[in-house]
Amino acid sequence: RIPPRFNKNPTDEELASLTTRLCSKMQIPSDFSAQAREIAKDLMWHNAGGGRSAMTADVVTAACLFFTCEERGSRRLLKEFVAASHCDIEKLRSVISLTRARYS
């Protein structure tokens, strides 16, 4: 299934499903999921229409979850997120930088 493009903002259900799946795959506490989802929604809303190819829902979700783990002192390796989400590492890095710049 092709991930939803970010300028067709994913529904709350799509984001919930993506974050929940990633949390369970990576054994990340489920309460991280809600925080990551809020950041992802905000990030996608702010960047709507920007046409950045990195901004697909799967990449944004993984990046926001990575950021949430980092913020909560539960550091994980980027390659774990790449393996679990099957996202391109460069796209993931670019969205993580954007997330850090905006929410740190």
N, C-alpha and C. Protein backbone atom coordinates (compact mmCIF):
# COMPACT_ATOMS: atom_id res chain seq x y z
N ARG A 1 0.84 -1.18 0.00
CA ARG A 1 0.00 0.00 0.00
C ARG A 1 0.88 1.24 0.00
N ILE A 2 0.57 2.19 -0.86
CA ILE A 2 1.34 3.42 -0.95
C ILE A 2 0.96 4.33 0.22
N PRO A 3 1.96 4.83 0.96
CA PRO A 3 1.62 5.71 2.08
C PRO A 3 0.95 6.98 1.58
N PRO A 4 0.02 7.51 2.37
CA PRO A 4 -0.66 8.73 1.93
C PRO A 4 0.34 9.88 1.78
N ARG A 5 0.21 10.63 0.72
CA ARG A 5 1.07 11.80 0.52
C ARG A 5 0.72 12.81 1.58
N PHE A 6 1.68 13.59 2.01
CA PHE A 6 1.37 14.45 3.12
C PHE A 6 0.47 15.62 2.76
N ASN A 7 0.45 16.05 1.49
CA ASN A 7 -0.42 17.19 1.21
C ASN A 7 -1.89 16.78 1.13
N LYS A 8 -2.15 15.47 1.12
CA LYS A 8 -3.51 14.97 1.35
C LYS A 8 -3.44 14.52 2.81
N ASN A 9 -3.56 15.48 3.72
CA ASN A 9 -3.32 15.16 5.13
C ASN A 9 -4.00 13.86 5.54
N PRO A 10 -3.22 12.95 6.15
CA PRO A 10 -3.80 11.68 6.60
C PRO A 10 -4.81 11.93 7.71
N THR A 11 -5.77 11.05 7.80
CA THR A 11 -6.78 11.18 8.85
C THR A 11 -6.14 10.83 10.19
N ASP A 12 -6.82 11.19 11.28
CA ASP A 12 -6.35 10.84 12.61
C ASP A 12 -6.20 9.33 12.74
N GLU A 13 -7.13 8.60 12.12
CA GLU A 13 -7.10 7.13 12.19
C GLU A 13 -5.85 6.58 11.50
N GLU A 14 -5.51 7.16 10.34
CA GLU A 14 -4.31 6.70 9.63
C GLU A 14 -3.06 6.95 10.47
N LEU A 15 -2.97 8.15 11.05
CA LEU A 15 -1.81 8.47 11.89
C LEU A 15 -1.77 7.59 13.13
N ALA A 16 -2.94 7.37 13.73
CA ALA A 16 -3.01 6.52 14.93
C ALA A 16 -2.53 5.11 14.60
N SER A 17 -2.99 4.60 13.48
CA SER A 17 -2.62 3.26 13.06
C SER A 17 -1.12 3.16 12.79
N LEU A 18 -0.56 4.16 12.10
CA LEU A 18 0.88 4.16 11.82
C LEU A 18 1.72 4.23 13.09
N THR A 19 1.36 5.14 14.01
CA THR A 19 2.16 5.28 15.24
C THR A 19 2.01 4.07 16.14
N THR A 20 0.79 3.54 16.26
CA THR A 20 0.56 2.37 17.11
C THR A 20 1.35 1.18 16.59
N ARG A 21 1.31 0.98 15.27
CA ARG A 21 2.03 -0.14 14.66
C ARG A 21 3.53 -0.03 14.90
N LEU A 22 4.06 1.18 14.71
CA LEU A 22 5.49 1.40 14.89
C LEU A 22 5.89 1.20 16.36
N CYS A 23 5.08 1.70 17.28
CA CYS A 23 5.36 1.53 18.72
C CYS A 23 5.40 0.06 19.09
N SER A 24 4.44 -0.71 18.60
CA SER A 24 4.42 -2.13 18.99
C SER A 24 5.56 -2.89 18.32
N LYS A 25 5.87 -2.56 17.08
CA LYS A 25 6.99 -3.20 16.38
C LYS A 25 8.31 -2.95 17.11
N MET A 26 8.47 -1.74 17.65
CA MET A 26 9.74 -1.35 18.26
C MET A 26 9.71 -1.43 19.79
N GLN A 27 8.60 -1.90 20.33
CA GLN A 27 8.43 -2.00 21.77
C GLN A 27 8.69 -0.66 22.47
N ILE A 28 8.05 0.37 21.94
CA ILE A 28 8.11 1.71 22.52
C ILE A 28 6.84 1.87 23.35
N PRO A 29 6.92 2.45 24.54
CA PRO A 29 5.71 2.61 25.37
C PRO A 29 4.58 3.30 24.58
N SER A 30 3.37 2.75 24.71
CA SER A 30 2.26 3.24 23.89
C SER A 30 1.88 4.69 24.19
N ASP A 31 2.23 5.20 25.38
CA ASP A 31 1.89 6.60 25.65
C ASP A 31 2.75 7.56 24.82
N PHE A 32 3.85 7.08 24.26
CA PHE A 32 4.67 7.90 23.35
C PHE A 32 3.90 8.14 22.05
N SER A 33 3.05 7.18 21.71
CA SER A 33 2.32 7.22 20.45
C SER A 33 1.46 8.48 20.31
N ALA A 34 0.72 8.81 21.37
CA ALA A 34 -0.18 9.96 21.31
C ALA A 34 0.60 11.27 21.12
N GLN A 35 1.72 11.40 21.84
CA GLN A 35 2.54 12.60 21.72
C GLN A 35 3.12 12.71 20.31
N ALA A 36 3.64 11.62 19.79
CA ALA A 36 4.22 11.61 18.44
C ALA A 36 3.16 11.95 17.40
N ARG A 37 1.95 11.44 17.60
CA ARG A 37 0.85 11.67 16.67
C ARG A 37 0.47 13.15 16.64
N GLU A 38 0.43 13.80 17.82
CA GLU A 38 0.10 15.23 17.88
C GLU A 38 1.14 16.06 17.13
N ILE A 39 2.41 15.72 17.33
CA ILE A 39 3.50 16.44 16.65
C ILE A 39 3.39 16.20 15.14
N ALA A 40 3.13 14.96 14.76
CA ALA A 40 3.02 14.62 13.33
C ALA A 40 1.88 15.40 12.67
N LYS A 41 0.74 15.46 13.35
CA LYS A 41 -0.41 16.21 12.80
C LYS A 41 -0.05 17.67 12.62
N ASP A 42 0.58 18.25 13.63
CA ASP A 42 0.96 19.66 13.57
C ASP A 42 1.98 19.91 12.47
N LEU A 43 2.98 19.04 12.40
CA LEU A 43 4.04 19.17 11.39
C LEU A 43 3.46 19.08 9.98
N MET A 44 2.58 18.13 9.76
CA MET A 44 1.99 17.96 8.43
C MET A 44 1.09 19.13 8.08
N TRP A 45 0.37 19.64 9.06
CA TRP A 45 -0.51 20.77 8.82
C TRP A 45 0.32 22.00 8.43
N HIS A 46 1.42 22.24 9.15
CA HIS A 46 2.26 23.40 8.87
C HIS A 46 2.98 23.30 7.54
N ASN A 47 3.21 22.10 7.07
CA ASN A 47 3.96 21.93 5.84
C ASN A 47 3.08 21.53 4.66
N ALA A 48 1.77 21.61 4.83
CA ALA A 48 0.86 21.23 3.75
C ALA A 48 1.11 22.10 2.53
N GLY A 49 1.16 21.46 1.39
CA GLY A 49 1.36 22.20 0.15
C GLY A 49 2.82 22.55 -0.11
N GLY A 50 3.70 22.18 0.81
CA GLY A 50 5.12 22.47 0.63
C GLY A 50 5.77 21.59 -0.42
N GLY A 51 5.12 20.48 -0.72
CA GLY A 51 5.59 19.59 -1.77
C GLY A 51 6.90 18.88 -1.46
N ARG A 52 7.29 18.85 -0.20
CA ARG A 52 8.53 18.13 0.14
C ARG A 52 8.30 16.64 -0.04
N SER A 53 9.15 16.01 -0.84
CA SER A 53 8.93 14.59 -1.12
C SER A 53 9.14 13.71 0.11
N ALA A 54 9.88 14.22 1.09
CA ALA A 54 10.14 13.41 2.29
C ALA A 54 8.90 13.32 3.17
N MET A 55 7.96 14.24 2.97
CA MET A 55 6.85 14.36 3.90
C MET A 55 5.68 13.42 3.63
N THR A 56 5.94 12.13 3.63
CA THR A 56 4.85 11.17 3.56
C THR A 56 4.50 10.81 5.00
N ALA A 57 3.29 10.35 5.21
CA ALA A 57 2.82 10.06 6.56
C ALA A 57 3.72 9.07 7.29
N ASP A 58 4.22 8.05 6.57
CA ASP A 58 5.07 7.06 7.24
C ASP A 58 6.39 7.67 7.73
N VAL A 59 6.99 8.54 6.92
CA VAL A 59 8.25 9.18 7.30
C VAL A 59 8.02 10.15 8.45
N VAL A 60 6.97 10.95 8.35
CA VAL A 60 6.67 11.93 9.40
C VAL A 60 6.39 11.21 10.72
N THR A 61 5.62 10.14 10.67
CA THR A 61 5.30 9.39 11.87
C THR A 61 6.57 8.84 12.52
N ALA A 62 7.42 8.20 11.73
CA ALA A 62 8.67 7.64 12.26
C ALA A 62 9.55 8.74 12.84
N ALA A 63 9.65 9.87 12.14
CA ALA A 63 10.48 10.98 12.61
C ALA A 63 9.96 11.54 13.92
N CYS A 64 8.65 11.70 14.02
CA CYS A 64 8.05 12.25 15.24
C CYS A 64 8.18 11.29 16.42
N LEU A 65 8.12 10.00 16.13
CA LEU A 65 8.30 9.00 17.18
C LEU A 65 9.76 9.00 17.65
N PHE A 66 10.68 9.12 16.71
CA PHE A 66 12.10 9.21 17.03
C PHE A 66 12.34 10.43 17.94
N PHE A 67 11.76 11.56 17.54
CA PHE A 67 11.90 12.81 18.29
C PHE A 67 11.30 12.67 19.69
N THR A 68 10.12 12.05 19.79
CA THR A 68 9.46 11.85 21.08
C THR A 68 10.33 11.00 22.01
N CYS A 69 10.90 9.93 21.48
CA CYS A 69 11.78 9.07 22.28
C CYS A 69 12.97 9.88 22.78
N GLU A 70 13.54 10.67 21.88
CA GLU A 70 14.69 11.50 22.22
C GLU A 70 14.34 12.49 23.34
N GLU A 71 13.21 13.17 23.18
CA GLU A 71 12.76 14.16 24.16
C GLU A 71 12.49 13.55 25.53
N ARG A 72 12.04 12.31 25.53
CA ARG A 72 11.71 11.65 26.78
C ARG A 72 12.86 10.83 27.35
N GLY A 73 14.03 11.02 26.78
CA GLY A 73 15.22 10.36 27.30
C GLY A 73 15.30 8.87 27.01
N SER A 74 14.54 8.42 26.03
CA SER A 74 14.57 7.00 25.66
C SER A 74 15.21 6.89 24.28
N ARG A 75 16.47 7.26 24.19
CA ARG A 75 17.15 7.32 22.89
C ARG A 75 17.19 5.96 22.19
N ARG A 76 16.88 6.00 20.92
CA ARG A 76 16.94 4.80 20.09
C ARG A 76 17.79 5.11 18.87
N LEU A 77 18.32 4.08 18.26
CA LEU A 77 19.14 4.28 17.07
C LEU A 77 18.26 4.57 15.86
N LEU A 78 18.73 5.48 15.03
CA LEU A 78 18.00 5.83 13.81
C LEU A 78 17.79 4.59 12.94
N LYS A 79 18.81 3.72 12.90
CA LYS A 79 18.68 2.53 12.04
C LYS A 79 17.56 1.60 12.51
N GLU A 80 17.22 1.64 13.82
CA GLU A 80 16.09 0.85 14.30
C GLU A 80 14.78 1.36 13.67
N PHE A 81 14.68 2.69 13.58
CA PHE A 81 13.48 3.29 12.98
C PHE A 81 13.41 3.01 11.49
N VAL A 82 14.57 3.04 10.84
CA VAL A 82 14.63 2.74 9.40
C VAL A 82 14.17 1.31 9.17
N ALA A 83 14.68 0.38 9.98
CA ALA A 83 14.32 -1.03 9.83
C ALA A 83 12.83 -1.27 10.10
N ALA A 84 12.31 -0.65 11.14
CA ALA A 84 10.91 -0.88 11.53
C ALA A 84 9.93 -0.20 10.59
N SER A 85 10.28 0.98 10.09
CA SER A 85 9.33 1.74 9.27
C SER A 85 9.54 1.55 7.77
N HIS A 86 10.69 0.98 7.40
CA HIS A 86 11.06 0.82 5.98
C HIS A 86 11.14 2.15 5.26
N CYS A 87 11.48 3.21 6.00
CA CYS A 87 11.62 4.54 5.40
C CYS A 87 13.06 4.75 4.94
N ASP A 88 13.21 5.62 4.00
CA ASP A 88 14.52 6.01 3.51
C ASP A 88 15.23 6.82 4.60
N ILE A 89 16.48 6.47 4.90
CA ILE A 89 17.20 7.11 6.00
C ILE A 89 17.41 8.61 5.78
N GLU A 90 17.65 9.02 4.54
CA GLU A 90 17.87 10.45 4.27
C GLU A 90 16.58 11.25 4.46
N LYS A 91 15.47 10.69 4.01
CA LYS A 91 14.18 11.37 4.21
C LYS A 91 13.88 11.47 5.69
N LEU A 92 14.15 10.39 6.41
CA LEU A 92 13.91 10.36 7.85
C LEU A 92 14.77 11.40 8.55
N ARG A 93 16.04 11.46 8.18
CA ARG A 93 16.95 12.46 8.77
C ARG A 93 16.45 13.88 8.53
N SER A 94 16.00 14.15 7.31
CA SER A 94 15.57 15.51 7.00
C SER A 94 14.32 15.90 7.79
N VAL A 95 13.39 14.97 7.97
CA VAL A 95 12.18 15.28 8.73
C VAL A 95 12.48 15.37 10.23
N ILE A 96 13.43 14.57 10.71
CA ILE A 96 13.84 14.66 12.12
C ILE A 96 14.45 16.04 12.39
N SER A 97 15.28 16.53 11.47
CA SER A 97 15.89 17.86 11.63
C SER A 97 14.81 18.94 11.68
N LEU A 98 13.85 18.82 10.78
CA LEU A 98 12.73 19.76 10.75
C LEU A 98 11.95 19.72 12.06
N THR A 99 11.73 18.51 12.56
CA THR A 99 10.98 18.33 13.81
C THR A 99 11.75 18.94 14.99
N ARG A 100 13.03 18.66 15.04
CA ARG A 100 13.87 19.23 16.12
C ARG A 100 13.84 20.76 16.07
N ALA A 101 13.99 21.31 14.87
CA ALA A 101 14.03 22.76 14.71
C ALA A 101 12.73 23.40 15.18
N ARG A 102 11.63 22.73 14.92
CA ARG A 102 10.33 23.30 15.23
C ARG A 102 9.86 23.05 16.68
N TYR A 103 10.20 21.90 17.26
CA TYR A 103 9.60 21.51 18.55
C TYR A 103 10.57 21.39 19.71
N SER A 104 11.87 21.52 19.47
CA SER A 104 12.82 21.39 20.59
C SER A 104 12.77 22.60 21.51
